[in-house]
Structures are given as structure tokens and as C-alpha cells.
Amino acid sequence: MQEFEAYKRYEASIDALDLDLHSGGDGWVSIEDYPQVVDTWGKNKREWDKLERGGPFPYDDGMFSFFLS
């Protein structure tokens, strides 16, 4: 049950991050928003707590792609 709770927390954290970054799950960001998104991404990455959020920061080099099946 703890794994499921962590998964749900992680899923909610990723959804909130996508909203904060103004991006879709595929990571696309408009060119106009890009400078702000880079700053917001860095802030979120620095402050990400994987225990609190249910998993590691999702958008980093080498991370699992949510689009692979």
C-alpha cells in the first residue's frame, strides 16, 4: 500500500510540475515561455524532495520517459 501511495503522490507532483512549467507531459514549451520555464525548472529541481514527492525529479537527463511503453 505504501508503494501505491508514493506512486499517487509522485503522479500528483508531476502534474503540478507540468502546470508550473506551462508544459505538456512531452516537455514541449513555447519559445516565448522558454527563459521563464528554464528558471522555474531549476528552482523545482533544487527544491524537489523525492521522499515527499514520491519519487525522483522527473525531467532530467537519463530519466525514464513516460511515453515509452
C-alpha atoms as a PDB file:
ATOM      1  CA  MET A   1       0.000   0.000   0.000  1.00  0.00           C
ATOM      2  CA  GLN A   2       2.885   2.391   0.691  1.00  0.00           C
ATOM      3  CA  GLU A   3       4.123   1.945  -2.878  1.00  0.00           C
ATOM      4  CA  PHE A   4       0.721   2.889  -4.273  1.00  0.00           C
ATOM      5  CA  GLU A   5       0.534   5.974  -2.053  1.00  0.00           C
ATOM      6  CA  ALA A   6       4.032   7.007  -3.179  1.00  0.00           C
ATOM      7  CA  TYR A   7       3.016   6.464  -6.807  1.00  0.00           C
ATOM      8  CA  LYS A   8      -0.103   8.610  -6.419  1.00  0.00           C
ATOM      9  CA  ARG A   9       1.944  11.326  -4.686  1.00  0.00           C
ATOM     10  CA  TYR A  10       4.522  11.176  -7.497  1.00  0.00           C
ATOM     11  CA  GLU A  11       1.836  11.362 -10.178  1.00  0.00           C
ATOM     12  CA  ALA A  12       0.239  14.400  -8.492  1.00  0.00           C
ATOM     13  CA  SER A  13       3.657  16.043  -8.098  1.00  0.00           C
ATOM     14  CA  ILE A  14       4.422  15.590 -11.796  1.00  0.00           C
ATOM     15  CA  ASP A  15       1.015  17.018 -12.755  1.00  0.00           C
ATOM     16  CA  ALA A  16       1.675  20.061 -10.545  1.00  0.00           C
ATOM     17  CA  LEU A  17       5.155  20.458 -12.041  1.00  0.00           C
ATOM     18  CA  ASP A  18       3.736  20.358 -15.582  1.00  0.00           C
ATOM     19  CA  LEU A  19       1.313  23.142 -14.661  1.00  0.00           C
ATOM     20  CA  ASP A  20       4.099  25.172 -13.068  1.00  0.00           C
ATOM     21  CA  LEU A  21       6.265  24.758 -16.177  1.00  0.00           C
ATOM     22  CA  HIS A  22       3.400  25.511 -18.596  1.00  0.00           C
ATOM     23  CA  SER A  23       4.288  22.354 -20.485  1.00  0.00           C
ATOM     24  CA  GLY A  24       2.600  19.202 -21.580  1.00  0.00           C
ATOM     25  CA  GLY A  25       3.814  15.842 -20.418  1.00  0.00           C
ATOM     26  CA  ASP A  26       6.002  15.654 -23.509  1.00  0.00           C
ATOM     27  CA  GLY A  27       8.039  18.631 -22.277  1.00  0.00           C
ATOM     28  CA  TRP A  28       7.130  20.994 -25.110  1.00  0.00           C
ATOM     29  CA  VAL A  29       7.378  24.669 -24.150  1.00  0.00           C
ATOM     30  CA  SER A  30       6.701  27.693 -26.330  1.00  0.00           C
ATOM     31  CA  ILE A  31       9.725  29.763 -27.304  1.00  0.00           C
ATOM     32  CA  GLU A  32       8.188  32.790 -25.591  1.00  0.00           C
ATOM     33  CA  ASP A  33       7.941  30.947 -22.266  1.00  0.00           C
ATOM     34  CA  TYR A  34      11.291  29.158 -22.518  1.00  0.00           C
ATOM     35  CA  PRO A  35      13.504  31.533 -20.432  1.00  0.00           C
ATOM     36  CA  GLN A  36      10.990  31.569 -17.570  1.00  0.00           C
ATOM     37  CA  VAL A  37      10.482  27.815 -17.782  1.00  0.00           C
ATOM     38  CA  VAL A  38      14.236  27.181 -17.524  1.00  0.00           C
ATOM     39  CA  ASP A  39      14.354  29.247 -14.319  1.00  0.00           C
ATOM     40  CA  THR A  40      11.255  27.536 -12.922  1.00  0.00           C
ATOM     41  CA  TRP A  41      12.627  24.095 -13.856  1.00  0.00           C
ATOM     42  CA  GLY A  42      15.888  24.805 -11.997  1.00  0.00           C
ATOM     43  CA  LYS A  43      14.067  26.034  -8.901  1.00  0.00           C
ATOM     44  CA  ASN A  44      11.820  22.973  -8.861  1.00  0.00           C
ATOM     45  CA  LYS A  45      14.777  20.637  -9.372  1.00  0.00           C
ATOM     46  CA  ARG A  46      16.722  22.193  -6.472  1.00  0.00           C
ATOM     47  CA  GLU A  47      13.728  22.032  -4.132  1.00  0.00           C
ATOM     48  CA  TRP A  48      12.483  18.562  -5.141  1.00  0.00           C
ATOM     49  CA  ASP A  49      12.355  16.117  -2.219  1.00  0.00           C
ATOM     50  CA  LYS A  50      11.943  12.600  -3.592  1.00  0.00           C
ATOM     51  CA  LEU A  51      10.540  11.211  -0.349  1.00  0.00           C
ATOM     52  CA  GLU A  52       7.958  13.966  -0.054  1.00  0.00           C
ATOM     53  CA  ARG A  53       7.110  13.875  -3.776  1.00  0.00           C
ATOM     54  CA  GLY A  54       7.026  10.098  -4.091  1.00  0.00           C
ATOM     55  CA  GLY A  55       9.968   9.741  -6.495  1.00  0.00           C
ATOM     56  CA  PRO A  56      12.935  11.418  -8.189  1.00  0.00           C
ATOM     57  CA  PHE A  57      12.742  14.680 -10.143  1.00  0.00           C
ATOM     58  CA  PRO A  58      11.165  13.530 -13.415  1.00  0.00           C
ATOM     59  CA  TYR A  59      12.652  15.868 -16.011  1.00  0.00           C
ATOM     60  CA  ASP A  60      16.390  15.353 -16.074  1.00  0.00           C
ATOM     61  CA  ASP A  61      18.862  13.719 -18.446  1.00  0.00           C
ATOM     62  CA  GLY A  62      18.671   9.959 -18.322  1.00  0.00           C
ATOM     63  CA  MET A  63      15.313   9.792 -16.582  1.00  0.00           C
ATOM     64  CA  PHE A  64      12.552   7.387 -17.552  1.00  0.00           C
ATOM     65  CA  SER A  65      10.334   8.541 -20.395  1.00  0.00           C
ATOM     66  CA  PHE A  66       6.646   8.493 -19.557  1.00  0.00           C
ATOM     67  CA  PHE A  67       5.926   7.916 -23.258  1.00  0.00           C
ATOM     68  CA  LEU A  68       7.696   4.562 -23.539  1.00  0.00           C
ATOM     69  CA  SER A  69       5.536   1.517 -23.142  1.00  0.00           C
END
